[in-house]
Amino acid sequence: QSSSVAAGTTHRLFQHRTLGEPCTKIIDCKSDLVCRDNVCSTCLSSDECKQRDSKRQCFNNTQNPDAFSTVVVDHPVCRHKPLIEEFEEADWWIAFITWAVTTLSAPTGTGGGGILGP
């Protein structure tokens, strides 16, 4: 009996909590929420979202952070910043590295399929 309780407790530790559930740190909550006053809450500012990842921003329900998303929410959420609107130095570096690796590997047949394949 006690082993099943312990297993259930351990399993619960790895689940992200939803809106209104208790938390101790931001990683306890689902990725679109923040941990404020030990409760998983909606974001009030992008600074709260950046505690999890510096590339995340707070979007309210009228902003569409992802043009391809069909999910509509009625509260502010933390999402990754739009790629094209704010192309940062790190984005340029990864684009260049991808181009360089593709340029070198594809013509020789050594790894191009792994990069260019679907």
Protein backbone atom coordinates (compact mmCIF):
# COMPACT_ATOMS: atom_id res chain seq x y z
CA GLN A 1 0.00 0.00 0.00
CA SER A 2 2.69 2.53 0.98
CA SER A 3 4.71 1.88 -2.19
CA SER A 4 1.73 2.82 -4.40
CA VAL A 5 1.24 6.05 -2.46
CA ALA A 6 4.92 6.91 -2.80
CA ALA A 7 4.81 6.15 -6.53
CA GLY A 8 1.76 8.38 -6.95
CA THR A 9 3.48 11.18 -5.04
CA THR A 10 6.63 10.89 -7.15
CA HIS A 11 4.56 10.88 -10.32
CA ARG A 12 2.77 14.07 -9.20
CA LEU A 13 6.12 15.85 -8.70
CA PHE A 14 6.83 15.67 -12.42
CA GLN A 15 3.46 17.05 -13.54
CA HIS A 16 3.06 20.74 -14.27
CA ARG A 17 0.29 22.38 -12.33
CA THR A 18 -2.59 24.30 -13.90
CA LEU A 19 -4.15 27.69 -13.15
CA GLY A 20 -4.95 28.15 -9.45
CA GLU A 21 -2.94 25.19 -8.17
CA PRO A 22 -0.21 25.67 -5.53
CA CYS A 23 3.44 26.05 -6.58
CA THR A 24 6.80 26.90 -5.08
CA LYS A 25 8.68 27.93 -8.23
CA ILE A 26 7.81 28.85 -11.82
CA ILE A 27 8.85 25.44 -13.19
CA ASP A 28 6.05 23.82 -11.13
CA CYS A 29 3.42 25.48 -13.34
CA LYS A 30 2.50 24.80 -16.96
CA SER A 31 4.72 26.69 -19.39
CA ASP A 32 2.11 29.38 -20.12
CA LEU A 33 1.66 30.27 -16.42
CA VAL A 34 3.80 31.88 -13.71
CA CYS A 35 4.15 31.13 -10.00
CA ARG A 36 3.04 34.21 -8.05
CA ASP A 37 2.40 34.11 -4.28
CA ASN A 38 2.77 30.28 -4.36
CA VAL A 39 -0.14 29.90 -6.82
CA CYS A 40 0.04 29.15 -10.57
CA SER A 41 -1.29 32.35 -12.12
CA THR A 42 -1.60 34.18 -15.41
CA CYS A 43 1.17 36.59 -16.28
CA LEU A 44 0.91 40.31 -15.68
CA SER A 45 4.09 41.28 -17.52
CA SER A 46 6.76 39.80 -19.76
CA ASP A 47 9.26 40.09 -16.88
CA GLU A 48 7.38 37.32 -15.07
CA CYS A 49 7.55 35.06 -18.13
CA LYS A 50 11.28 35.72 -18.56
CA GLN A 51 11.96 34.05 -15.19
CA ARG A 52 11.48 30.72 -16.97
CA ASP A 53 13.13 31.64 -20.28
CA SER A 54 14.50 34.98 -21.49
CA LYS A 55 12.76 34.51 -24.87
CA ARG A 56 9.24 34.31 -23.39
CA GLN A 57 6.74 37.18 -23.35
CA CYS A 58 3.32 37.77 -21.83
CA PHE A 59 0.52 37.90 -24.41
CA ASN A 60 -3.03 38.88 -23.54
CA ASN A 61 -6.04 37.30 -25.20
CA THR A 62 -6.19 39.93 -27.95
CA GLN A 63 -2.62 39.38 -29.13
CA ASN A 64 -1.83 36.40 -31.34
CA PRO A 65 1.70 35.18 -30.54
CA ASP A 66 1.45 32.42 -33.13
CA ALA A 67 -0.31 33.02 -36.43
CA PHE A 68 -0.71 29.27 -36.92
CA SER A 69 -2.24 28.60 -33.52
CA THR A 70 -5.93 27.80 -33.33
CA VAL A 71 -5.94 27.79 -29.52
CA VAL A 72 -7.90 30.70 -28.08
CA VAL A 73 -7.43 31.53 -24.41
CA ASP A 74 -9.35 34.01 -22.31
CA HIS A 75 -6.42 35.00 -20.10
CA PRO A 76 -2.85 36.26 -20.57
CA VAL A 77 -0.28 33.54 -21.31
CA CYS A 78 3.50 33.23 -21.51
CA ARG A 79 4.67 32.23 -24.98
CA HIS A 80 7.91 32.28 -26.94
CA LYS A 81 8.51 35.62 -28.62
CA PRO A 82 7.57 35.88 -32.31
CA LEU A 83 10.53 34.79 -34.44
CA ILE A 84 10.47 37.38 -37.20
CA GLU A 85 9.41 40.49 -35.27
CA GLU A 86 12.38 40.45 -32.90
CA PHE A 87 15.20 38.60 -34.66
CA GLU A 88 18.04 38.73 -32.11
CA GLU A 89 21.76 38.06 -32.43
CA ALA A 90 21.34 34.47 -31.21
CA ASP A 91 18.78 33.87 -33.98
CA TRP A 92 21.23 35.18 -36.61
CA TRP A 93 24.02 32.95 -35.28
CA ILE A 94 21.92 29.77 -35.38
CA ALA A 95 20.70 30.63 -38.90
CA PHE A 96 24.30 31.12 -40.04
CA ILE A 97 25.53 27.91 -38.39
CA THR A 98 22.66 25.95 -39.99
CA TRP A 99 23.47 27.45 -43.40
CA ALA A 100 27.20 26.67 -43.02
CA VAL A 101 26.65 23.06 -41.92
CA THR A 102 24.15 22.49 -44.73
CA THR A 103 26.48 24.05 -47.30
CA LEU A 104 29.36 21.83 -46.24
CA SER A 105 27.52 18.57 -45.64
CA ALA A 106 24.85 18.35 -48.33
CA PRO A 107 27.10 18.33 -51.43
CA THR A 108 29.44 15.72 -49.94
CA GLY A 109 26.64 13.42 -48.88
CA THR A 110 27.81 13.36 -45.27
CA GLY A 111 24.91 14.39 -43.14
CA GLY A 112 22.81 16.45 -45.50
CA GLY A 113 19.91 14.03 -45.20
CA GLY A 114 19.80 14.42 -41.44
CA ILE A 115 19.66 18.18 -41.78
CA LEU A 116 17.51 18.54 -44.88
CA GLY A 117 15.21 15.56 -44.31
CA PRO A 118 11.65 16.12 -43.08
